[in-house]
Amino acid sequence: MPPRRRVPVAAGRSAVEVWRSQGEATPRVDLATAVRFTLEELSVVAPGRSVEVRVPPFGAVQCVTGTTHTRGTPPNVVETDAQTWLAVATGALTWDGAWESGTLRVSGHRADLTAYLPLA
């Protein structure tokens, strides 16, 4: 069953475009919408529950097929800030570039999302 959409596709795409044009000056409501939309897109492209992607304070999603966890902190976690997440999700920054800069924190052997990013 596909994940339930909370952000309408048109609103999400619009928020991503606002972020692309305004960068760090993006209004918080558009930033939150863009992050939530791209997290939902990731869960569509890479369905599953073996990796948790966190972009505090805006959202988190579980994705990638494989073993799942039911309690506590999952073994495979990706965590980053909104600006880094959107840059990686849209292809403005590579996964390796974000990791090397220290703005992308990754734990677990399944937490490499390069096969799924950037999102179309």
PDB file of N, CA and C in Angstrom:
ATOM      1  N   MET A   1       0.838  -1.168   0.000  1.00  0.00           N
ATOM      2  CA  MET A   1       0.000   0.000   0.000  1.00  0.00           C
ATOM      3  C   MET A   1       0.891   1.243   0.000  1.00  0.00           C
ATOM      4  N   PRO A   2       0.670   2.180  -0.922  1.00  0.00           N
ATOM      5  CA  PRO A   2       1.496   3.381  -0.959  1.00  0.00           C
ATOM      6  C   PRO A   2       1.257   4.254   0.270  1.00  0.00           C
ATOM      7  N   PRO A   3       2.265   5.031   0.646  1.00  0.00           N
ATOM      8  CA  PRO A   3       2.097   5.891   1.813  1.00  0.00           C
ATOM      9  C   PRO A   3       1.016   6.944   1.585  1.00  0.00           C
ATOM     10  N   ARG A   4       0.380   7.337   2.658  1.00  0.00           N
ATOM     11  CA  ARG A   4      -0.668   8.350   2.578  1.00  0.00           C
ATOM     12  C   ARG A   4      -0.024   9.720   2.431  1.00  0.00           C
ATOM     13  N   ARG A   5      -0.500  10.479   1.466  1.00  0.00           N
ATOM     14  CA  ARG A   5       0.018  11.821   1.232  1.00  0.00           C
ATOM     15  C   ARG A   5      -0.567  12.803   2.228  1.00  0.00           C
ATOM     16  N   ARG A   6       0.287  13.584   2.838  1.00  0.00           N
ATOM     17  CA  ARG A   6      -0.161  14.659   3.715  1.00  0.00           C
ATOM     18  C   ARG A   6       0.019  16.006   3.037  1.00  0.00           C
ATOM     19  N   VAL A   7       0.983  16.083   2.125  1.00  0.00           N
ATOM     20  CA  VAL A   7       1.231  17.310   1.377  1.00  0.00           C
ATOM     21  C   VAL A   7       0.767  17.076  -0.055  1.00  0.00           C
ATOM     22  N   PRO A   8      -0.189  17.864  -0.533  1.00  0.00           N
ATOM     23  CA  PRO A   8      -0.598  17.721  -1.934  1.00  0.00           C
ATOM     24  C   PRO A   8       0.601  17.941  -2.860  1.00  0.00           C
ATOM     25  N   VAL A   9       0.660  17.161  -3.929  1.00  0.00           N
ATOM     26  CA  VAL A   9       1.809  17.205  -4.832  1.00  0.00           C
ATOM     27  C   VAL A   9       2.049  18.615  -5.363  1.00  0.00           C
ATOM     28  N   ALA A  10       1.014  19.297  -5.803  1.00  0.00           N
ATOM     29  CA  ALA A  10       1.178  20.652  -6.354  1.00  0.00           C
ATOM     30  C   ALA A  10       1.742  21.609  -5.306  1.00  0.00           C
ATOM     31  N   ALA A  11       1.251  21.529  -4.086  1.00  0.00           N
ATOM     32  CA  ALA A  11       1.748  22.397  -3.012  1.00  0.00           C
ATOM     33  C   ALA A  11       3.201  22.068  -2.686  1.00  0.00           C
ATOM     34  N   GLY A  12       3.535  20.791  -2.696  1.00  0.00           N
ATOM     35  CA  GLY A  12       4.904  20.383  -2.412  1.00  0.00           C
ATOM     36  C   GLY A  12       5.873  20.852  -3.471  1.00  0.00           C
ATOM     37  N   ARG A  13       5.504  20.673  -4.724  1.00  0.00           N
ATOM     38  CA  ARG A  13       6.376  21.127  -5.819  1.00  0.00           C
ATOM     39  C   ARG A  13       6.548  22.637  -5.787  1.00  0.00           C
ATOM     40  N   SER A  14       5.473  23.331  -5.484  1.00  0.00           N
ATOM     41  CA  SER A  14       5.538  24.787  -5.388  1.00  0.00           C
ATOM     42  C   SER A  14       6.485  25.215  -4.273  1.00  0.00           C
ATOM     43  N   ALA A  15       6.412  24.558  -3.124  1.00  0.00           N
ATOM     44  CA  ALA A  15       7.289  24.887  -1.996  1.00  0.00           C
ATOM     45  C   ALA A  15       8.751  24.604  -2.335  1.00  0.00           C
ATOM     46  N   VAL A  16       9.014  23.530  -3.054  1.00  0.00           N
ATOM     47  CA  VAL A  16      10.388  23.227  -3.471  1.00  0.00           C
ATOM     48  C   VAL A  16      10.896  24.329  -4.403  1.00  0.00           C
ATOM     49  N   GLU A  17      10.057  24.801  -5.294  1.00  0.00           N
ATOM     50  CA  GLU A  17      10.459  25.885  -6.201  1.00  0.00           C
ATOM     51  C   GLU A  17      10.730  27.175  -5.432  1.00  0.00           C
ATOM     52  N   VAL A  18       9.925  27.451  -4.422  1.00  0.00           N
ATOM     53  CA  VAL A  18      10.180  28.630  -3.576  1.00  0.00           C
ATOM     54  C   VAL A  18      11.540  28.474  -2.912  1.00  0.00           C
ATOM     55  N   TRP A  19      11.838  27.293  -2.383  1.00  0.00           N
ATOM     56  CA  TRP A  19      13.136  27.056  -1.757  1.00  0.00           C
ATOM     57  C   TRP A  19      14.272  27.230  -2.767  1.00  0.00           C
ATOM     58  N   ARG A  20      14.093  26.714  -3.979  1.00  0.00           N
ATOM     59  CA  ARG A  20      15.144  26.849  -4.995  1.00  0.00           C
ATOM     60  C   ARG A  20      15.424  28.312  -5.318  1.00  0.00           C
ATOM     61  N   SER A  21      14.396  29.129  -5.335  1.00  0.00           N
ATOM     62  CA  SER A  21      14.589  30.538  -5.688  1.00  0.00           C
ATOM     63  C   SER A  21      15.041  31.393  -4.505  1.00  0.00           C
ATOM     64  N   GLN A  22      14.694  31.002  -3.274  1.00  0.00           N
ATOM     65  CA  GLN A  22      15.003  31.850  -2.128  1.00  0.00           C
ATOM     66  C   GLN A  22      16.040  31.283  -1.174  1.00  0.00           C
ATOM     67  N   GLY A  23      16.328  29.999  -1.267  1.00  0.00           N
ATOM     68  CA  GLY A  23      17.363  29.391  -0.423  1.00  0.00           C
ATOM     69  C   GLY A  23      17.103  29.588   1.051  1.00  0.00           C
ATOM     70  N   GLU A  24      18.084  30.113   1.754  1.00  0.00           N
ATOM     71  CA  GLU A  24      17.972  30.278   3.206  1.00  0.00           C
ATOM     72  C   GLU A  24      16.936  31.315   3.611  1.00  0.00           C
ATOM     73  N   ALA A  25      16.499  32.151   2.675  1.00  0.00           N
ATOM     74  CA  ALA A  25      15.481  33.165   2.973  1.00  0.00           C
ATOM     75  C   ALA A  25      14.058  32.621   2.791  1.00  0.00           C
ATOM     76  N   THR A  26      13.946  31.331   2.514  1.00  0.00           N
ATOM     77  CA  THR A  26      12.627  30.716   2.305  1.00  0.00           C
ATOM     78  C   THR A  26      11.779  30.856   3.557  1.00  0.00           C
ATOM     79  N   PRO A  27      10.538  31.318   3.417  1.00  0.00           N
ATOM     80  CA  PRO A  27       9.653  31.391   4.587  1.00  0.00           C
ATOM     81  C   PRO A  27       9.501  30.014   5.233  1.00  0.00           C
ATOM     82  N   ARG A  28       9.393  30.001   6.556  1.00  0.00           N
ATOM     83  CA  ARG A  28       9.339  28.749   7.316  1.00  0.00           C
ATOM     84  C   ARG A  28       8.223  27.824   6.832  1.00  0.00           C
ATOM     85  N   VAL A  29       7.070  28.361   6.506  1.00  0.00           N
ATOM     86  CA  VAL A  29       5.954  27.513   6.066  1.00  0.00           C
ATOM     87  C   VAL A  29       6.299  26.805   4.753  1.00  0.00           C
ATOM     88  N   ASP A  30       6.964  27.505   3.838  1.00  0.00           N
ATOM     89  CA  ASP A  30       7.377  26.873   2.576  1.00  0.00           C
ATOM     90  C   ASP A  30       8.500  25.869   2.803  1.00  0.00           C
ATOM     91  N   LEU A  31       9.414  26.193   3.701  1.00  0.00           N
ATOM     92  CA  LEU A  31      10.505  25.273   4.025  1.00  0.00           C
ATOM     93  C   LEU A  31       9.949  23.974   4.604  1.00  0.00           C
ATOM     94  N   ALA A  32       9.018  24.100   5.539  1.00  0.00           N
ATOM     95  CA  ALA A  32       8.411  22.913   6.148  1.00  0.00           C
ATOM     96  C   ALA A  32       7.672  22.085   5.105  1.00  0.00           C
ATOM     97  N   THR A  33       6.934  22.736   4.239  1.00  0.00           N
ATOM     98  CA  THR A  33       6.186  22.020   3.201  1.00  0.00           C
ATOM     99  C   THR A  33       7.133  21.320   2.241  1.00  0.00           C
ATOM    100  N   ALA A  34       8.194  21.991   1.834  1.00  0.00           N
ATOM    101  CA  ALA A  34       9.167  21.396   0.910  1.00  0.00           C
ATOM    102  C   ALA A  34       9.836  20.172   1.532  1.00  0.00           C
ATOM    103  N   VAL A  35      10.216  20.266   2.799  1.00  0.00           N
ATOM    104  CA  VAL A  35      10.847  19.137   3.478  1.00  0.00           C
ATOM    105  C   VAL A  35       9.882  17.972   3.581  1.00  0.00           C
ATOM    106  N   ARG A  36       8.682  18.236   4.050  1.00  0.00           N
ATOM    107  CA  ARG A  36       7.701  17.147   4.203  1.00  0.00           C
ATOM    108  C   ARG A  36       7.368  16.506   2.863  1.00  0.00           C
ATOM    109  N   PHE A  37       7.239  17.312   1.831  1.00  0.00           N
ATOM    110  CA  PHE A  37       6.942  16.780   0.510  1.00  0.00           C
ATOM    111  C   PHE A  37       8.078  15.883   0.010  1.00  0.00           C
ATOM    112  N   THR A  38       9.321  16.338   0.138  1.00  0.00           N
ATOM    113  CA  THR A  38      10.432  15.525  -0.355  1.00  0.00           C
ATOM    114  C   THR A  38      10.618  14.258   0.478  1.00  0.00           C
ATOM    115  N   LEU A  39      10.319  14.316   1.771  1.00  0.00           N
ATOM    116  CA  LEU A  39      10.361  13.094   2.572  1.00  0.00           C
ATOM    117  C   LEU A  39       9.294  12.111   2.101  1.00  0.00           C
ATOM    118  N   GLU A  40       8.109  12.622   1.795  1.00  0.00           N
ATOM    119  CA  GLU A  40       7.051  11.749   1.260  1.00  0.00           C
ATOM    120  C   GLU A  40       7.467  11.159  -0.085  1.00  0.00           C
ATOM    121  N   GLU A  41       8.097  11.971  -0.926  1.00  0.00           N
ATOM    122  CA  GLU A  41       8.573  11.478  -2.224  1.00  0.00           C
ATOM    123  C   GLU A  41       9.592  10.357  -2.032  1.00  0.00           C
ATOM    124  N   LEU A  42      10.486  10.517  -1.067  1.00  0.00           N
ATOM    125  CA  LEU A  42      11.465   9.465  -0.783  1.00  0.00           C
ATOM    126  C   LEU A  42      10.768   8.180  -0.384  1.00  0.00           C
ATOM    127  N   SER A  43       9.730   8.278   0.428  1.00  0.00           N
ATOM    128  CA  SER A  43       9.026   7.067   0.853  1.00  0.00           C
ATOM    129  C   SER A  43       8.284   6.396  -0.294  1.00  0.00           C
ATOM    130  N   VAL A  44       7.965   7.160  -1.338  1.00  0.00           N
ATOM    131  CA  VAL A  44       7.342   6.576  -2.532  1.00  0.00           C
ATOM    132  C   VAL A  44       8.402   5.883  -3.390  1.00  0.00           C
ATOM    133  N   VAL A  45       9.552   6.527  -3.552  1.00  0.00           N
ATOM    134  CA  VAL A  45      10.637   5.982  -4.372  1.00  0.00           C
ATOM    135  C   VAL A  45      11.301   4.784  -3.710  1.00  0.00           C
ATOM    136  N   ALA A  46      11.415   4.825  -2.381  1.00  0.00           N
ATOM    137  CA  ALA A  46      12.098   3.766  -1.626  1.00  0.00           C
ATOM    138  C   ALA A  46      11.203   3.288  -0.488  1.00  0.00           C
ATOM    139  N   PRO A  47      10.113   2.580  -0.805  1.00  0.00           N
ATOM    140  CA  PRO A  47       9.204   2.141   0.255  1.00  0.00           C
ATOM    141  C   PRO A  47       9.871   1.127   1.187  1.00  0.00           C
ATOM    142  N   GLY A  48       9.451   1.136   2.414  1.00  0.00           N
ATOM    143  CA  GLY A  48       9.973   0.195   3.393  1.00  0.00           C
ATOM    144  C   GLY A  48      10.088   0.854   4.755  1.00  0.00           C
ATOM    145  N   ARG A  49      10.742   0.117   5.679  1.00  0.00           N
ATOM    146  CA  ARG A  49      10.859   0.630   7.046  1.00  0.00           C
ATOM    147  C   ARG A  49      12.216   0.311   7.669  1.00  0.00           C
ATOM    148  N   SER A  50      13.249   0.159   6.862  1.00  0.00           N
ATOM    149  CA  SER A  50      14.536  -0.209   7.450  1.00  0.00           C
ATOM    150  C   SER A  50      15.453   0.985   7.717  1.00  0.00           C
ATOM    151  N   VAL A  51      15.136   2.138   7.162  1.00  0.00           N
ATOM    152  CA  VAL A  51      15.935   3.341   7.375  1.00  0.00           C
ATOM    153  C   VAL A  51      15.004   4.469   7.801  1.00  0.00           C
ATOM    154  N   GLU A  52      15.421   5.240   8.788  1.00  0.00           N
ATOM    155  CA  GLU A  52      14.639   6.403   9.197  1.00  0.00           C
ATOM    156  C   GLU A  52      15.410   7.654   8.810  1.00  0.00           C
ATOM    157  N   VAL A  53      14.744   8.548   8.087  1.00  0.00           N
ATOM    158  CA  VAL A  53      15.336   9.818   7.685  1.00  0.00           C
ATOM    159  C   VAL A  53      14.670  10.904   8.519  1.00  0.00           C
ATOM    160  N   ARG A  54      15.492  11.666   9.236  1.00  0.00           N
ATOM    161  CA  ARG A  54      14.982  12.707  10.137  1.00  0.00           C
ATOM    162  C   ARG A  54      15.477  14.073   9.691  1.00  0.00           C
ATOM    163  N   VAL A  55      14.545  15.013   9.592  1.00  0.00           N
ATOM    164  CA  VAL A  55      14.874  16.395   9.277  1.00  0.00           C
ATOM    165  C   VAL A  55      14.164  17.269  10.314  1.00  0.00           C
ATOM    166  N   PRO A  56      14.746  17.351  11.525  1.00  0.00           N
ATOM    167  CA  PRO A  56      14.075  18.101  12.582  1.00  0.00           C
ATOM    168  C   PRO A  56      14.093  19.606  12.283  1.00  0.00           C
ATOM    169  N   PRO A  57      13.083  20.323  12.653  1.00  0.00           N
ATOM    170  CA  PRO A  57      11.883  19.917  13.368  1.00  0.00           C
ATOM    171  C   PRO A  57      10.721  19.587  12.436  1.00  0.00           C
ATOM    172  N   PHE A  58      10.998  19.426  11.142  1.00  0.00           N
ATOM    173  CA  PHE A  58       9.928  19.357  10.147  1.00  0.00           C
ATOM    174  C   PHE A  58       9.355  17.974   9.880  1.00  0.00           C
ATOM    175  N   GLY A  59      10.137  16.931  10.002  1.00  0.00           N
ATOM    176  CA  GLY A  59       9.566  15.628   9.711  1.00  0.00           C
ATOM    177  C   GLY A  59      10.570  14.494   9.744  1.00  0.00           C
ATOM    178  N   ALA A  60      10.026  13.314   9.621  1.00  0.00           N
ATOM    179  CA  ALA A  60      10.817  12.081   9.562  1.00  0.00           C
ATOM    180  C   ALA A  60      10.014  11.068   8.768  1.00  0.00           C
ATOM    181  N   VAL A  61      10.718  10.159   8.133  1.00  0.00           N
ATOM    182  CA  VAL A  61      10.052   9.127   7.351  1.00  0.00           C
ATOM    183  C   VAL A  61      10.876   7.851   7.425  1.00  0.00           C
ATOM    184  N   GLN A  62      10.187   6.726   7.346  1.00  0.00           N
ATOM    185  CA  GLN A  62      10.871   5.445   7.236  1.00  0.00           C
ATOM    186  C   GLN A  62      10.791   5.012   5.790  1.00  0.00           C
ATOM    187  N   CYS A  63      11.887   4.432   5.308  1.00  0.00           N
ATOM    188  CA  CYS A  63      11.951   4.039   3.905  1.00  0.00           C
ATOM    189  C   CYS A  63      12.916   2.876   3.731  1.00  0.00           C
ATOM    190  N   VAL A  64      13.066   2.401   2.549  1.00  0.00           N
ATOM    191  CA  VAL A  64      13.970   1.338   2.102  1.00  0.00           C
ATOM    192  C   VAL A  64      13.530  -0.021   2.645  1.00  0.00           C
ATOM    193  N   THR A  65      13.345  -0.945   1.730  1.00  0.00           N
ATOM    194  CA  THR A  65      12.944  -2.290   2.115  1.00  0.00           C
ATOM    195  C   THR A  65      14.064  -2.981   2.881  1.00  0.00           C
ATOM    196  N   GLY A  66      13.690  -3.927   3.682  1.00  0.00           N
ATOM    197  CA  GLY A  66      14.654  -4.679   4.478  1.00  0.00           C
ATOM    198  C   GLY A  66      14.088  -4.945   5.849  1.00  0.00           C
ATOM    199  N   THR A  67      14.960  -5.315   6.756  1.00  0.00           N
ATOM    200  CA  THR A  67      14.508  -5.599   8.114  1.00  0.00           C
ATOM    201  C   THR A  67      13.932  -4.341   8.743  1.00  0.00           C
ATOM    202  N   THR A  68      12.907  -4.523   9.531  1.00  0.00           N
ATOM    203  CA  THR A  68      12.262  -3.376  10.177  1.00  0.00           C
ATOM    204  C   THR A  68      12.508  -3.417  11.678  1.00  0.00           C
ATOM    205  N   HIS A  69      12.313  -2.275  12.288  1.00  0.00           N
ATOM    206  CA  HIS A  69      12.425  -2.198  13.738  1.00  0.00           C
ATOM    207  C   HIS A  69      11.056  -1.811  14.283  1.00  0.00           C
ATOM    208  N   THR A  70      10.810  -2.155  15.525  1.00  0.00           N
ATOM    209  CA  THR A  70       9.495  -1.847  16.087  1.00  0.00           C
ATOM    210  C   THR A  70       9.564  -0.941  17.307  1.00  0.00           C
ATOM    211  N   ARG A  71      10.708  -0.868  17.975  1.00  0.00           N
ATOM    212  CA  ARG A  71      10.797  -0.039  19.179  1.00  0.00           C
ATOM    213  C   ARG A  71      12.159   0.628  19.260  1.00  0.00           C
ATOM    214  N   GLY A  72      12.176   1.807  19.850  1.00  0.00           N
ATOM    215  CA  GLY A  72      13.442   2.487  20.081  1.00  0.00           C
ATOM    216  C   GLY A  72      14.034   3.086  18.828  1.00  0.00           C
ATOM    217  N   THR A  73      15.303   3.432  18.917  1.00  0.00           N
ATOM    218  CA  THR A  73      16.009   4.038  17.792  1.00  0.00           C
ATOM    219  C   THR A  73      16.345   2.969  16.767  1.00  0.00           C
ATOM    220  N   PRO A  74      15.997   3.200  15.506  1.00  0.00           N
ATOM    221  CA  PRO A  74      16.303   2.209  14.483  1.00  0.00           C
ATOM    222  C   PRO A  74      17.811   2.113  14.234  1.00  0.00           C
ATOM    223  N   PRO A  75      18.277   0.991  13.720  1.00  0.00           N
ATOM    224  CA  PRO A  75      19.706   0.819  13.502  1.00  0.00           C
ATOM    225  C   PRO A  75      20.244   1.636  12.324  1.00  0.00           C
ATOM    226  N   ASN A  76      19.387   2.051  11.415  1.00  0.00           N
ATOM    227  CA  ASN A  76      19.800   2.805  10.235  1.00  0.00           C
ATOM    228  C   ASN A  76      19.101   4.160  10.246  1.00  0.00           C
ATOM    229  N   VAL A  77      19.883   5.214  10.508  1.00  0.00           N
ATOM    230  CA  VAL A  77      19.306   6.548  10.653  1.00  0.00           C
ATOM    231  C   VAL A  77      20.095   7.549   9.825  1.00  0.00           C
ATOM    232  N   VAL A  78      19.358   8.438   9.162  1.00  0.00           N
ATOM    233  CA  VAL A  78      19.937   9.580   8.471  1.00  0.00           C
ATOM    234  C   VAL A  78      19.318  10.807   9.120  1.00  0.00           C
ATOM    235  N   GLU A  79      20.144  11.750   9.523  1.00  0.00           N
ATOM    236  CA  GLU A  79      19.613  12.972  10.124  1.00  0.00           C
ATOM    237  C   GLU A  79      20.374  14.174   9.583  1.00  0.00           C
ATOM    238  N   THR A  80      19.616  15.224   9.263  1.00  0.00           N
ATOM    239  CA  THR A  80      20.224  16.440   8.736  1.00  0.00           C
ATOM    240  C   THR A  80      19.285  17.614   8.938  1.00  0.00           C
ATOM    241  N   ASP A  81      19.762  18.792   8.602  1.00  0.00           N
ATOM    242  CA  ASP A  81      18.937  19.993   8.694  1.00  0.00           C
ATOM    243  C   ASP A  81      18.157  20.180   7.395  1.00  0.00           C
ATOM    244  N   ALA A  82      17.196  21.076   7.414  1.00  0.00           N
ATOM    245  CA  ALA A  82      16.299  21.270   6.277  1.00  0.00           C
ATOM    246  C   ALA A  82      17.041  21.722   5.021  1.00  0.00           C
ATOM    247  N   GLN A  83      17.940  22.665   5.144  1.00  0.00           N
ATOM    248  CA  GLN A  83      18.656  23.172   3.968  1.00  0.00           C
ATOM    249  C   GLN A  83      19.487  22.067   3.308  1.00  0.00           C
ATOM    250  N   THR A  84      20.192  21.298   4.109  1.00  0.00           N
ATOM    251  CA  THR A  84      21.000  20.205   3.559  1.00  0.00           C
ATOM    252  C   THR A  84      20.110  19.150   2.921  1.00  0.00           C
ATOM    253  N   TRP A  85      19.022  18.783   3.604  1.00  0.00           N
ATOM    254  CA  TRP A  85      18.121  17.773   3.051  1.00  0.00           C
ATOM    255  C   TRP A  85      17.579  18.206   1.694  1.00  0.00           C
ATOM    256  N   LEU A  86      17.103  19.419   1.596  1.00  0.00           N
ATOM    257  CA  LEU A  86      16.536  19.872   0.322  1.00  0.00           C
ATOM    258  C   LEU A  86      17.607  19.945  -0.762  1.00  0.00           C
ATOM    259  N   ALA A  87      18.812  20.353  -0.405  1.00  0.00           N
ATOM    260  CA  ALA A  87      19.895  20.395  -1.386  1.00  0.00           C
ATOM    261  C   ALA A  87      20.225  18.992  -1.906  1.00  0.00           C
ATOM    262  N   VAL A  88      20.279  18.026  -1.018  1.00  0.00           N
ATOM    263  CA  VAL A  88      20.570  16.647  -1.429  1.00  0.00           C
ATOM    264  C   VAL A  88      19.379  16.058  -2.196  1.00  0.00           C
ATOM    265  N   ALA A  89      18.176  16.298  -1.709  1.00  0.00           N
ATOM    266  CA  ALA A  89      16.978  15.739  -2.341  1.00  0.00           C
ATOM    267  C   ALA A  89      16.764  16.276  -3.752  1.00  0.00           C
ATOM    268  N   THR A  90      17.191  17.507  -4.002  1.00  0.00           N
ATOM    269  CA  THR A  90      16.987  18.108  -5.328  1.00  0.00           C
ATOM    270  C   THR A  90      18.209  17.995  -6.233  1.00  0.00           C
ATOM    271  N   GLY A  91      19.304  17.504  -5.697  1.00  0.00           N
ATOM    272  CA  GLY A  91      20.507  17.352  -6.505  1.00  0.00           C
ATOM    273  C   GLY A  91      21.419  18.570  -6.494  1.00  0.00           C
ATOM    274  N   ALA A  92      21.094  19.586  -5.708  1.00  0.00           N
ATOM    275  CA  ALA A  92      21.949  20.771  -5.617  1.00  0.00           C
ATOM    276  C   ALA A  92      23.239  20.461  -4.855  1.00  0.00           C
ATOM    277  N   LEU A  93      23.235  19.395  -4.063  1.00  0.00           N
ATOM    278  CA  LEU A  93      24.382  18.945  -3.283  1.00  0.00           C
ATOM    279  C   LEU A  93      24.407  17.427  -3.332  1.00  0.00           C
ATOM    280  N   THR A  94      25.581  16.869  -3.489  1.00  0.00           N
ATOM    281  CA  THR A  94      25.672  15.406  -3.525  1.00  0.00           C
ATOM    282  C   THR A  94      25.624  14.837  -2.115  1.00  0.00           C
ATOM    283  N   TRP A  95      25.249  13.572  -2.039  1.00  0.00           N
ATOM    284  CA  TRP A  95      25.233  12.856  -0.761  1.00  0.00           C
ATOM    285  C   TRP A  95      26.619  12.900  -0.123  1.00  0.00           C
ATOM    286  N   ASP A  96      27.645  12.589  -0.908  1.00  0.00           N
ATOM    287  CA  ASP A  96      29.014  12.580  -0.385  1.00  0.00           C
ATOM    288  C   ASP A  96      29.450  13.973   0.050  1.00  0.00           C
ATOM    289  N   GLY A  97      29.058  14.989  -0.702  1.00  0.00           N
ATOM    290  CA  GLY A  97      29.399  16.357  -0.332  1.00  0.00           C
ATOM    291  C   GLY A  97      28.785  16.751   0.995  1.00  0.00           C
ATOM    292  N   ALA A  98      27.540  16.371   1.207  1.00  0.00           N
ATOM    293  CA  ALA A  98      26.868  16.673   2.474  1.00  0.00           C
ATOM    294  C   ALA A  98      27.512  15.903   3.621  1.00  0.00           C
ATOM    295  N   TRP A  99      27.840  14.646   3.376  1.00  0.00           N
ATOM    296  CA  TRP A  99      28.465  13.835   4.419  1.00  0.00           C
ATOM    297  C   TRP A  99      29.834  14.393   4.785  1.00  0.00           C
ATOM    298  N   GLU A 100      30.624  14.747   3.781  1.00  0.00           N
ATOM    299  CA  GLU A 100      31.964  15.274   4.034  1.00  0.00           C
ATOM    300  C   GLU A 100      31.934  16.613   4.754  1.00  0.00           C
ATOM    301  N   SER A 101      30.892  17.403   4.517  1.00  0.00           N
ATOM    302  CA  SER A 101      30.786  18.701   5.187  1.00  0.00           C
ATOM    303  C   SER A 101      30.336  18.566   6.641  1.00  0.00           C
ATOM    304  N   GLY A 102      29.849  17.389   7.006  1.00  0.00           N
ATOM    305  CA  GLY A 102      29.422  17.153   8.382  1.00  0.00           C
ATOM    306  C   GLY A 102      27.978  17.529   8.663  1.00  0.00           C
ATOM    307  N   THR A 103      27.246  17.934   7.644  1.00  0.00           N
ATOM    308  CA  THR A 103      25.852  18.319   7.860  1.00  0.00           C
ATOM    309  C   THR A 103      24.893  17.143   7.701  1.00  0.00           C
ATOM    310  N   LEU A 104      25.401  16.020   7.276  1.00  0.00           N
ATOM    311  CA  LEU A 104      24.598  14.806   7.096  1.00  0.00           C
ATOM    312  C   LEU A 104      25.151  13.746   8.049  1.00  0.00           C
ATOM    313  N   ARG A 105      24.328  13.326   8.993  1.00  0.00           N
ATOM    314  CA  ARG A 105      24.755  12.305   9.950  1.00  0.00           C
ATOM    315  C   ARG A 105      24.087  10.987   9.575  1.00  0.00           C
ATOM    316  N   VAL A 106      24.896   9.966   9.381  1.00  0.00           N
ATOM    317  CA  VAL A 106      24.412   8.678   8.885  1.00  0.00           C
ATOM    318  C   VAL A 106      24.928   7.571   9.790  1.00  0.00           C
ATOM    319  N   SER A 107      24.022   6.670  10.193  1.00  0.00           N
ATOM    320  CA  SER A 107      24.451   5.511  10.963  1.00  0.00           C
ATOM    321  C   SER A 107      23.743   4.277  10.431  1.00  0.00           C
ATOM    322  N   GLY A 108      24.442   3.185  10.410  1.00  0.00           N
ATOM    323  CA  GLY A 108      23.881   1.925   9.928  1.00  0.00           C
ATOM    324  C   GLY A 108      24.331   1.615   8.516  1.00  0.00           C
ATOM    325  N   HIS A 109      24.469   0.348   8.230  1.00  0.00           N
ATOM    326  CA  HIS A 109      24.992  -0.073   6.927  1.00  0.00           C
ATOM    327  C   HIS A 109      23.985   0.097   5.787  1.00  0.00           C
ATOM    328  N   ARG A 110      22.714   0.262   6.073  1.00  0.00           N
ATOM    329  CA  ARG A 110      21.702   0.424   5.020  1.00  0.00           C
ATOM    330  C   ARG A 110      21.331   1.887   4.790  1.00  0.00           C
ATOM    331  N   ALA A 111      21.948   2.808   5.508  1.00  0.00           N
ATOM    332  CA  ALA A 111      21.513   4.202   5.507  1.00  0.00           C
ATOM    333  C   ALA A 111      22.056   5.039   4.352  1.00  0.00           C
ATOM    334  N   ASP A 112      22.744   4.438   3.403  1.00  0.00           N
ATOM    335  CA  ASP A 112      23.222   5.173   2.231  1.00  0.00           C
ATOM    336  C   ASP A 112      22.082   5.286   1.222  1.00  0.00           C
ATOM    337  N   LEU A 113      21.617   6.486   0.986  1.00  0.00           N
ATOM    338  CA  LEU A 113      20.460   6.710   0.105  1.00  0.00           C
ATOM    339  C   LEU A 113      20.847   7.189  -1.288  1.00  0.00           C
ATOM    340  N   THR A 114      22.110   7.055  -1.662  1.00  0.00           N
ATOM    341  CA  THR A 114      22.532   7.562  -2.968  1.00  0.00           C
ATOM    342  C   THR A 114      21.789   6.915  -4.130  1.00  0.00           C
ATOM    343  N   ALA A 115      21.307   5.706  -3.970  1.00  0.00           N
ATOM    344  CA  ALA A 115      20.558   5.035  -5.040  1.00  0.00           C
ATOM    345  C   ALA A 115      19.201   5.685  -5.284  1.00  0.00           C
ATOM    346  N   TYR A 116      18.698   6.456  -4.328  1.00  0.00           N
ATOM    347  CA  TYR A 116      17.357   7.033  -4.417  1.00  0.00           C
ATOM    348  C   TYR A 116      17.359   8.540  -4.605  1.00  0.00           C
ATOM    349  N   LEU A 117      18.521   9.163  -4.478  1.00  0.00           N
ATOM    350  CA  LEU A 117      18.615  10.618  -4.553  1.00  0.00           C
ATOM    351  C   LEU A 117      19.531  11.025  -5.689  1.00  0.00           C
ATOM    352  N   PRO A 118      19.307  12.153  -6.340  1.00  0.00           N
ATOM    353  CA  PRO A 118      18.242  13.112  -6.041  1.00  0.00           C
ATOM    354  C   PRO A 118      16.880  12.592  -6.501  1.00  0.00           C
ATOM    355  N   LEU A 119      15.860  13.158  -5.899  1.00  0.00           N
ATOM    356  CA  LEU A 119      14.491  12.804  -6.274  1.00  0.00           C
ATOM    357  C   LEU A 119      14.145  13.487  -7.589  1.00  0.00           C
ATOM    358  N   ALA A 120      13.342  12.850  -8.401  1.00  0.00           N
ATOM    359  CA  ALA A 120      12.990  13.423  -9.715  1.00  0.00           C
ATOM    360  C   ALA A 120      12.112  14.634  -9.563  1.00  0.00           C
TER     361      ALA A 120
END
